[in-house]
Structure formats: C-alpha cells, structure tokens
Amino acid sequence: MDYQLSEDQKLIVENVRRFVKKEILPLEEKLDPDAGEIAPEEKDRLTSITRDMGLYGLGIPPEFGGPDIDVTTQTLITLEISQHRAGLYNPAYGAFGGAGLAQLFEATEQQKEKYLFPVLRGEKTSFFGLTEPSGGSDPGRAIQTRGVQNGDDWILNGAKIFISGADQADFGILFARTSEDKGRNGITCFLVDSDMPGFNVRRVVHTLRSTKYATEIQIEDLRIPKENILGEVNKGFAIASDRLARQRIPYAAGCIGVAIKAQEMAIEYCKIRETFGGMLSSRQAVQWMIVDNEIDIRTSKHICLDAAQKADRGEDFRTEAAMAKLLGSEAGGRVVDRSMQIHGGYGMTKDLPLERWYREMRIRRIGEGPSEVQRLVMARNLIGGSFH
C-alpha cells in the first residue's frame, strides 16, 4: 500500500498542523485542564478561519456545502486536530465542523428542511439515541424501547443511556423495536424533537471524563408522526450499522493522533531529564518504551489509513474499520500509559495533558463498540455466518 501524500495532502496537513499550533494550543493555556468547550465567540473566530481554509464541514458531502475531501485526507486531518489536551473529547473545539447525524443526508426533503439544513447552518444540535440500559454492545437484540403504531402516529416507550449531548440537543434520532419477531430486522429509526411530550432527559451520567459526557433518557408515551420515520419501518438497524462502521475510522484516527503527541512529549522529556547521573534517554527501559510506542503508532496508523483508502475506493472496509478502531484505542492507550511512566510524577499532574488522555483513552475502548465487539465483527467478516 502506498501512503505517499500528494502535494495537496501535504499542504492540507501542514496548514492544519499550523492551525492547531497557532490557534488551539495557546487557547488551551488559558482554559481549565478539564475544559471541553470554548466561548462561542472564540469558536466563531476559529470557524471563520477553517472556512477560509476550505476545510469546514468535514464529512459533509459537497452537494450539501461540505468540502470535497476524500476519507483518507479527512483521516489525515483528524490525526492532526486531535493533538491537543481536549483532542479526544472535542477535536479543535469543533472548529472544523462535522457531518453531525450523517443519516440525515438520506432523509426526505421535508426532513432535510426541518432537521438537516438547520444543523449544517449551526442553528440546531442533535443526538444519536441507540444504546439502552439492557445492553449496548448488541443493539440489534438488546433494544427494548418499543414503538407501536397508533393511526398515522407511533407511540414510543423505553429508555436510552450513554447518549451524548441529549440534554442540550434540539432533536435526535431514536431507535425502537417495531416488530417483535424479526430481530435486527424489526427496528425503526425515528426523528424526535427534544420538546416533544414524553421525551425526558433523566440525568447526566458522570464518567471518567471531568466534563459532561452522557445522559440517560426516559421515553414515556412519546407520540411520533409517521413523517418522522427516517428511512423505512423495520429498516432502522441498517442505518445504525452504517453510522457505526463509518465512524470507526475517524474514531481510531483521533486515538492515534493523541498517541503521536504523547510520544513526542515522551521523547522530548527523556532527552532533558537527568536521573542517577545520566539522561533518561540512556536507560534501556525507557528506550524500549519509546520503541514500543512507535510500533503501536505505526501499526495502528497503517491499518487506519488502509481502511480509509478502501472506503475511498468503494470497497468493503468493515473489517479494516473494526481493526482500526480496536488497534487505535488499545495501542493509543498503551502509548499514553508508557508516556506517563516516562514522565514520572509529572505525568500524573494536570500540568500535562497525559492524565486526561489516559482517562479518555480508556473510554475509547468502549465507545463506538468495545474491543470484543470489534473482534466479533472481524470474525464474522473473515469467516462468514452469524455469531451469537
């Protein structure tokens, strides 16, 4: 596989790297170490810069106003914009935008007017409501939220958990079981406004992150008009699966980007830190940690770019995407852990971003499907058949 960057890609990477160094890193010096957001006026300023760069709206198709950038280049950009303190939580603080609920690109024209276009204009925010208290690793079977047809409407009852941003979103998509005996083929996707009667955010679920991360949702007799069905009745699981597969590539790239930055910090520190009459860089134990870091980074980056290139070629990239997510989150966690060890006591402090990356990298082994599910996906694709 040839990963030589084109001249355009080299220019984009250089510009993005300069943007992070010039705009993001100085901004973070003034923020709390656990901050996840910036002031609206600062975000507007950063967004205006990325628009001028022609890089705002990564993941948005050109026909909807996004830049005409392939998946591989988007992956290279993600590797760069994650290399700062909040890089795993909010890369570049949203300055490069994103596709939001990508499923809405396939919505009806009426749904696009009400939901998609306001999101693209920055007027509305959204959430993705799939995971339930009964289990998140196998949503096709674990979904217990029920949707029952009532005339032209549907009545939903159930609960969701670990739903990011539902307490602040204007709307979202909820998945409910609409046929009892069809398994994954009995799930429907509904567009839900947050102010609809029967939709309630019960609580914020506090996790390893210091910032607000997830919510628990209670759904009680939530009436949804048929116009709010996204896609077709009983075809919602395909919508969820497509989103999860595509998201795994940038998800992995973010982990790898942080690992790259942690490795840079570890190398820089071991060259200046003196212990017992010699530099840390002269200690074989430290040298081997640096080498193991590099092996983890290069291996996971290779697989991630392979998945991106397959996506660009229109090939089946599900196995590579699952492998990228698995390697990126697990290898990235090892790199951050070793880098903390090299920094000693300083690595545990909030003076450095390592301890925050350590916490958030642990979450990444669960988010977008835990490591065990990625192995299941790969086994299913490699061997064939259906596993339980």
Protein backbone atom coordinates (compact mmCIF):
# COMPACT_ATOMS: atom_id res chain seq x y z
CA MET A 1 0.00 0.00 0.00
CA ASP A 2 1.29 3.42 -0.98
CA TYR A 3 0.84 6.09 1.67
CA GLN A 4 2.87 8.78 -0.04
CA LEU A 5 0.96 12.02 0.43
CA SER A 6 0.00 14.01 -2.62
CA GLU A 7 1.10 17.63 -2.83
CA ASP A 8 -2.43 18.74 -1.93
CA GLN A 9 -2.49 16.44 1.10
CA LYS A 10 0.91 17.69 2.25
CA LEU A 11 -0.32 21.28 2.06
CA ILE A 12 -3.52 20.48 3.94
CA VAL A 13 -1.66 18.63 6.70
CA GLU A 14 0.85 21.48 7.07
CA ASN A 15 -1.92 24.08 7.26
CA VAL A 16 -3.93 22.09 9.80
CA ARG A 17 -0.84 21.42 11.92
CA ARG A 18 -0.04 25.15 11.86
CA PHE A 19 -3.63 25.96 12.84
CA VAL A 20 -3.51 23.67 15.88
CA LYS A 21 -0.15 25.06 16.97
CA LYS A 22 -1.08 28.71 16.45
CA GLU A 23 -4.74 28.76 17.46
CA ILE A 24 -5.61 25.78 19.66
CA LEU A 25 -2.59 25.25 21.90
CA PRO A 26 -2.32 28.92 23.05
CA LEU A 27 -6.07 28.94 23.68
CA GLU A 28 -5.83 25.91 25.94
CA GLU A 29 -3.22 27.56 28.11
CA LYS A 30 -5.98 29.83 29.41
CA LEU A 31 -8.54 27.07 29.97
CA ASP A 32 -9.16 24.72 32.86
CA PRO A 33 -7.31 21.42 32.22
CA ASP A 34 -10.63 19.58 32.01
CA ALA A 35 -12.43 22.12 29.83
CA GLY A 36 -14.34 20.67 26.92
CA GLU A 37 -15.77 23.78 25.30
CA ILE A 38 -14.68 27.30 24.42
CA ALA A 39 -16.55 30.60 24.37
CA PRO A 40 -18.96 30.95 21.41
CA GLU A 41 -17.11 33.99 20.09
CA GLU A 42 -13.84 32.03 20.10
CA LYS A 43 -15.44 29.15 18.26
CA ASP A 44 -16.89 31.55 15.69
CA ARG A 45 -13.44 33.04 15.18
CA LEU A 46 -11.85 29.62 14.69
CA THR A 47 -14.63 28.51 12.40
CA SER A 48 -14.15 31.53 10.18
CA ILE A 49 -10.51 30.53 9.79
CA THR A 50 -11.30 26.94 8.82
CA ARG A 51 -13.92 28.18 6.36
CA ASP A 52 -11.27 30.36 4.74
CA MET A 53 -9.04 27.28 4.62
CA GLY A 54 -11.79 25.44 2.76
CA LEU A 55 -11.85 22.74 5.44
CA TYR A 56 -15.05 23.43 7.37
CA GLY A 57 -17.66 20.70 7.49
CA LEU A 58 -15.51 17.57 7.28
CA GLY A 59 -17.68 14.63 6.35
CA ILE A 60 -20.38 16.79 4.75
CA PRO A 61 -20.90 15.90 1.07
CA PRO A 62 -20.11 18.69 -1.41
CA GLU A 63 -23.74 18.84 -2.55
CA PHE A 64 -24.65 19.97 0.97
CA GLY A 65 -21.92 22.57 1.21
CA GLY A 66 -19.07 20.49 2.56
CA PRO A 67 -15.52 20.39 1.19
CA ASP A 68 -14.80 17.82 -1.49
CA ILE A 69 -12.30 15.87 0.60
CA ASP A 70 -11.82 12.10 0.47
CA VAL A 71 -11.87 9.84 3.53
CA THR A 72 -8.09 9.41 3.53
CA THR A 73 -7.49 13.16 3.67
CA GLN A 74 -10.15 13.51 6.35
CA THR A 75 -8.29 10.86 8.33
CA LEU A 76 -5.01 12.75 7.96
CA ILE A 77 -6.74 15.89 9.20
CA THR A 78 -8.20 14.05 12.20
CA LEU A 79 -4.73 12.79 13.11
CA GLU A 80 -3.66 16.44 13.42
CA ILE A 81 -6.67 18.10 15.06
CA SER A 82 -6.69 15.60 17.93
CA GLN A 83 -3.18 16.53 19.09
CA HIS A 84 -4.10 18.80 21.98
CA ARG A 85 -5.44 18.48 25.52
CA ALA A 86 -9.14 18.22 24.61
CA GLY A 87 -8.37 16.42 21.36
CA LEU A 88 -10.19 13.21 22.25
CA TYR A 89 -13.22 14.98 23.67
CA ASN A 90 -13.67 17.84 21.21
CA PRO A 91 -11.05 17.96 18.43
CA ALA A 92 -10.09 21.57 17.68
CA TYR A 93 -13.18 22.51 19.71
CA GLY A 94 -15.42 21.90 16.72
CA ALA A 95 -13.66 24.44 14.52
CA PHE A 96 -13.65 22.05 11.56
CA GLY A 97 -17.33 21.22 11.91
CA GLY A 98 -18.58 17.77 11.03
CA ALA A 99 -21.31 15.77 9.40
CA GLY A 100 -23.47 15.65 12.51
CA LEU A 101 -26.10 12.96 12.02
CA ALA A 102 -24.88 11.69 8.67
CA GLN A 103 -28.04 9.60 8.36
CA LEU A 104 -29.92 12.81 7.56
CA PHE A 105 -28.25 13.04 4.16
CA GLU A 106 -30.61 10.23 3.16
CA ALA A 107 -33.69 11.89 4.72
CA THR A 108 -36.77 13.06 2.82
CA GLU A 109 -36.77 16.60 1.50
CA GLN A 110 -39.19 17.64 4.24
CA GLN A 111 -36.95 16.11 6.92
CA LYS A 112 -33.89 17.79 5.45
CA GLU A 113 -35.58 21.19 5.66
CA LYS A 114 -36.58 20.69 9.28
CA TYR A 115 -33.51 18.89 10.61
CA LEU A 116 -30.51 18.57 8.28
CA PHE A 117 -30.16 22.10 6.94
CA PRO A 118 -30.53 23.79 10.37
CA VAL A 119 -27.72 21.52 11.64
CA LEU A 120 -25.49 22.42 8.71
CA ARG A 121 -26.16 26.11 9.35
CA GLY A 122 -25.27 25.70 13.02
CA GLU A 123 -28.80 26.51 14.16
CA LYS A 124 -29.62 23.14 15.72
CA THR A 125 -27.76 20.40 17.56
CA SER A 126 -28.61 16.71 17.63
CA PHE A 127 -28.04 13.40 19.41
CA PHE A 128 -27.85 9.72 18.41
CA GLY A 129 -30.06 7.51 20.60
CA LEU A 130 -29.18 3.85 20.23
CA THR A 131 -27.71 2.37 23.44
CA GLU A 132 -30.06 1.12 26.17
CA PRO A 133 -29.65 0.05 29.82
CA SER A 134 -30.31 -3.55 28.71
CA GLY A 135 -27.04 -3.54 26.77
CA GLY A 136 -25.16 -1.51 24.19
CA SER A 137 -22.77 -4.00 22.59
CA ASP A 138 -25.52 -5.84 20.74
CA PRO A 139 -28.11 -3.16 19.96
CA GLY A 140 -29.86 -5.27 17.37
CA ARG A 141 -31.05 -7.67 20.05
CA ALA A 142 -30.82 -5.52 23.19
CA ILE A 143 -33.21 -2.76 22.11
CA GLN A 144 -36.27 -2.89 24.33
CA THR A 145 -37.71 0.52 23.53
CA ARG A 146 -40.97 -0.26 21.78
CA GLY A 147 -42.74 1.57 19.01
CA VAL A 148 -46.43 0.76 18.49
CA GLN A 149 -48.43 2.18 15.59
CA ASN A 150 -51.45 4.27 16.56
CA GLY A 151 -53.28 5.50 13.49
CA ASP A 152 -50.81 7.60 11.49
CA ASP A 153 -48.59 8.03 14.55
CA TRP A 154 -46.25 5.82 16.55
CA ILE A 155 -46.12 5.63 20.37
CA LEU A 156 -42.70 5.01 21.87
CA ASN A 157 -41.87 3.76 25.38
CA GLY A 158 -38.49 2.81 26.79
CA ALA A 159 -35.12 4.20 27.87
CA LYS A 160 -31.71 5.09 26.46
CA ILE A 161 -28.39 5.58 28.22
CA PHE A 162 -24.90 6.95 27.44
CA ILE A 163 -26.41 9.33 24.90
CA SER A 164 -24.01 12.21 24.27
CA GLY A 165 -25.42 15.73 24.41
CA ALA A 166 -29.12 14.87 24.65
CA ASP A 167 -29.58 17.39 27.47
CA GLN A 168 -28.61 20.25 25.14
CA ALA A 169 -29.75 18.97 21.74
CA ASP A 170 -32.72 20.27 19.78
CA PHE A 171 -33.55 16.87 18.33
CA GLY A 172 -32.14 13.44 17.73
CA ILE A 173 -32.78 10.04 16.23
CA LEU A 174 -34.12 7.23 18.40
CA PHE A 175 -34.17 3.55 17.56
CA ALA A 176 -37.13 1.45 18.69
CA ARG A 177 -38.32 -2.09 18.16
CA THR A 178 -41.38 -2.07 15.93
CA SER A 179 -41.61 -5.79 15.21
CA GLU A 180 -41.21 -8.39 17.94
CA ASP A 181 -40.17 -11.42 15.91
CA LYS A 182 -37.73 -10.03 13.36
CA GLY A 183 -34.64 -9.35 15.50
CA ARG A 184 -32.43 -6.76 13.82
CA ASN A 185 -34.95 -6.52 11.01
CA GLY A 186 -37.60 -5.22 13.37
CA ILE A 187 -36.06 -1.88 14.36
CA THR A 188 -37.16 1.55 13.14
CA CYS A 189 -35.40 4.93 13.31
CA PHE A 190 -37.43 7.95 14.45
CA LEU A 191 -36.66 11.67 14.39
CA VAL A 192 -37.53 13.12 17.79
CA ASP A 193 -37.73 16.77 18.86
CA SER A 194 -36.43 17.30 22.39
CA ASP A 195 -39.51 19.31 23.39
CA MET A 196 -41.97 16.56 22.44
CA PRO A 197 -44.15 15.44 25.40
CA GLY A 198 -42.88 12.12 26.69
CA PHE A 199 -39.21 12.77 25.94
CA ASN A 200 -37.27 13.36 29.18
CA VAL A 201 -33.57 13.54 29.97
CA ARG A 202 -33.48 11.91 33.39
CA ARG A 203 -29.89 12.66 34.35
CA VAL A 204 -26.34 13.30 33.26
CA VAL A 205 -24.26 10.13 33.56
CA HIS A 206 -20.89 11.03 35.03
CA THR A 207 -17.94 9.06 33.68
CA LEU A 208 -14.14 9.20 33.81
CA ARG A 209 -14.37 12.48 31.95
CA SER A 210 -14.50 15.63 34.03
CA THR A 211 -16.85 17.31 31.59
CA LYS A 212 -20.46 16.36 30.93
CA TYR A 213 -20.41 13.41 28.63
CA ALA A 214 -23.54 11.28 28.55
CA THR A 215 -27.19 11.27 29.52
CA GLU A 216 -29.96 8.85 30.38
CA ILE A 217 -33.26 9.30 28.55
CA GLN A 218 -36.74 8.19 29.61
CA ILE A 219 -39.37 7.78 26.89
CA GLU A 220 -42.99 7.62 28.04
CA ASP A 221 -45.88 7.53 25.57
CA LEU A 222 -43.87 9.62 23.12
CA ARG A 223 -46.07 10.26 20.09
CA ILE A 224 -44.18 10.45 16.80
CA PRO A 225 -45.88 11.32 13.48
CA LYS A 226 -45.18 8.96 10.59
CA GLU A 227 -43.43 11.82 8.78
CA ASN A 228 -40.66 11.49 11.39
CA ILE A 229 -39.67 7.97 10.41
CA LEU A 230 -36.15 8.08 8.99
CA GLY A 231 -35.87 5.54 6.23
CA GLU A 232 -38.33 2.68 6.30
CA VAL A 233 -40.22 0.86 9.04
CA ASN A 234 -38.17 -2.09 10.38
CA LYS A 235 -35.09 -0.95 8.41
CA GLY A 236 -33.51 1.17 11.14
CA PHE A 237 -30.72 -1.20 12.12
CA ALA A 238 -29.03 -0.75 8.74
CA ILE A 239 -28.95 3.00 9.45
CA ALA A 240 -27.29 2.40 12.81
CA SER A 241 -24.79 -0.12 11.43
CA ASP A 242 -23.68 2.15 8.60
CA ARG A 243 -23.06 5.01 11.01
CA LEU A 244 -21.06 2.84 13.42
CA ALA A 245 -18.86 1.37 10.67
CA ARG A 246 -18.02 4.74 9.10
CA GLN A 247 -17.39 6.43 12.44
CA ARG A 248 -14.75 3.91 13.44
CA ILE A 249 -12.13 5.35 11.08
CA PRO A 250 -12.05 8.93 12.46
CA TYR A 251 -12.57 7.49 15.96
CA ALA A 252 -9.37 5.48 15.55
CA ALA A 253 -7.53 8.40 13.98
CA GLY A 254 -8.26 10.58 17.00
CA CYS A 255 -6.70 7.96 19.30
CA ILE A 256 -3.64 7.68 17.08
CA GLY A 257 -3.22 11.45 16.89
CA VAL A 258 -3.12 11.70 20.67
CA ALA A 259 -0.64 8.81 20.78
CA ILE A 260 1.62 10.63 18.33
CA LYS A 261 1.61 13.73 20.55
CA ALA A 262 2.23 11.67 23.70
CA GLN A 263 5.21 10.01 22.01
CA GLU A 264 6.63 13.39 21.01
CA MET A 265 6.35 14.54 24.63
CA ALA A 266 8.00 11.37 25.93
CA ILE A 267 10.96 11.65 23.54
CA GLU A 268 11.45 15.33 24.33
CA TYR A 269 11.29 14.73 28.07
CA CYS A 270 13.66 11.74 28.19
CA LYS A 271 16.31 13.82 26.41
CA ILE A 272 16.35 16.53 29.08
CA ARG A 273 15.55 14.59 32.28
CA GLU A 274 18.63 13.51 34.23
CA THR A 275 18.50 10.68 36.78
CA PHE A 276 21.30 8.96 38.67
CA GLY A 277 23.94 10.81 36.73
CA GLY A 278 22.60 10.16 33.27
CA MET A 279 19.79 11.11 30.91
CA LEU A 280 16.58 9.09 30.84
CA SER A 281 17.19 8.58 27.13
CA SER A 282 20.26 6.46 28.01
CA ARG A 283 18.18 3.97 30.05
CA GLN A 284 17.33 0.80 28.18
CA ALA A 285 13.95 0.55 29.93
CA VAL A 286 12.98 3.98 28.59
CA GLN A 287 14.41 3.27 25.14
CA TRP A 288 12.29 0.14 24.86
CA MET A 289 9.15 2.02 25.92
CA ILE A 290 9.81 4.59 23.21
CA VAL A 291 10.32 1.82 20.63
CA ASP A 292 7.14 0.02 21.72
CA ASN A 293 5.26 3.31 21.43
CA GLU A 294 6.48 3.75 17.89
CA ILE A 295 5.50 0.21 16.92
CA ASP A 296 1.99 0.77 18.29
CA ILE A 297 1.64 4.10 16.50
CA ARG A 298 2.89 2.96 13.11
CA THR A 299 0.88 -0.27 13.14
CA SER A 300 -2.41 1.38 14.09
CA LYS A 301 -1.86 4.29 11.70
CA HIS A 302 -1.17 1.88 8.84
CA ILE A 303 -4.41 -0.02 9.43
CA CYS A 304 -6.41 3.20 9.84
CA LEU A 305 -5.19 4.62 6.53
CA ASP A 306 -5.79 1.27 4.86
CA ALA A 307 -9.43 1.40 5.98
CA ALA A 308 -9.74 4.98 4.72
CA GLN A 309 -8.27 4.12 1.32
CA LYS A 310 -10.62 1.16 0.94
CA ALA A 311 -13.55 3.44 1.75
CA ASP A 312 -12.34 5.88 -0.92
CA ARG A 313 -12.15 3.08 -3.47
CA GLY A 314 -15.69 1.99 -2.69
CA GLU A 315 -14.55 -1.37 -1.35
CA ASP A 316 -15.88 -3.18 1.72
CA PHE A 317 -13.91 -1.66 4.60
CA ARG A 318 -15.81 -3.07 7.59
CA THR A 319 -13.04 -5.42 8.70
CA GLU A 320 -10.35 -2.75 8.37
CA ALA A 321 -12.52 -0.16 10.16
CA ALA A 322 -13.13 -2.54 13.07
CA MET A 323 -9.42 -3.38 13.20
CA ALA A 324 -8.50 0.32 13.10
CA LYS A 325 -10.84 1.10 15.97
CA LEU A 326 -9.54 -1.84 18.01
CA LEU A 327 -5.87 -1.05 17.41
CA GLY A 328 -6.25 2.71 17.66
CA SER A 329 -7.96 2.66 21.05
CA GLU A 330 -5.89 -0.13 22.60
CA ALA A 331 -2.49 0.84 21.18
CA GLY A 332 -3.18 4.52 21.86
CA GLY A 333 -3.92 3.69 25.48
CA ARG A 334 -0.63 1.82 25.80
CA VAL A 335 1.32 4.72 24.29
CA VAL A 336 -0.22 7.24 26.68
CA ASP A 337 0.39 4.91 29.63
CA ARG A 338 4.07 4.45 28.77
CA SER A 339 4.49 8.17 28.18
CA MET A 340 3.07 8.88 31.63
CA GLN A 341 5.52 6.38 33.09
CA ILE A 342 8.45 8.10 31.40
CA HIS A 343 7.32 11.46 32.81
CA GLY A 344 7.13 10.01 36.32
CA GLY A 345 5.24 12.13 38.84
CA TYR A 346 4.76 14.97 36.37
CA GLY A 347 2.81 12.62 34.13
CA MET A 348 0.16 12.28 36.82
CA THR A 349 -0.40 16.02 37.14
CA LYS A 350 -2.80 18.29 35.30
CA ASP A 351 0.19 20.38 34.28
CA LEU A 352 0.40 17.99 31.35
CA PRO A 353 -2.41 16.58 29.17
CA LEU A 354 -1.30 12.97 29.65
CA GLU A 355 -3.54 12.16 32.62
CA ARG A 356 -6.60 13.47 30.78
CA TRP A 357 -5.71 11.45 27.67
CA TYR A 358 -5.25 8.39 29.90
CA ARG A 359 -8.82 8.69 31.24
CA GLU A 360 -10.41 9.44 27.91
CA MET A 361 -8.45 6.77 26.07
CA ARG A 362 -9.93 4.21 28.47
CA ILE A 363 -13.40 5.33 27.41
CA ARG A 364 -12.40 4.87 23.79
CA ARG A 365 -12.02 1.13 24.28
CA ILE A 366 -15.78 1.05 24.92
CA GLY A 367 -17.19 3.82 22.72
CA GLU A 368 -18.31 3.00 19.16
CA GLY A 369 -18.33 -0.66 20.14
CA PRO A 370 -15.96 -2.28 22.66
CA SER A 371 -12.85 -4.18 21.61
CA GLU A 372 -14.63 -7.51 21.97
CA VAL A 373 -17.34 -6.45 19.52
CA GLN A 374 -14.71 -5.31 17.01
CA ARG A 375 -13.21 -8.78 17.16
CA LEU A 376 -16.67 -10.26 16.64
CA VAL A 377 -17.23 -8.02 13.61
CA MET A 378 -13.91 -9.04 12.12
CA ALA A 379 -14.53 -12.74 12.77
CA ARG A 380 -17.96 -12.52 11.14
CA ASN A 381 -16.50 -10.78 8.09
CA LEU A 382 -13.49 -13.11 7.79
CA ILE A 383 -15.23 -16.43 8.47
CA GLY A 384 -18.77 -15.64 7.45
CA GLY A 385 -22.00 -16.63 9.12
CA SER A 386 -23.71 -15.21 12.19
CA PHE A 387 -22.28 -15.45 15.69
CA HIS A 388 -24.11 -15.01 18.98
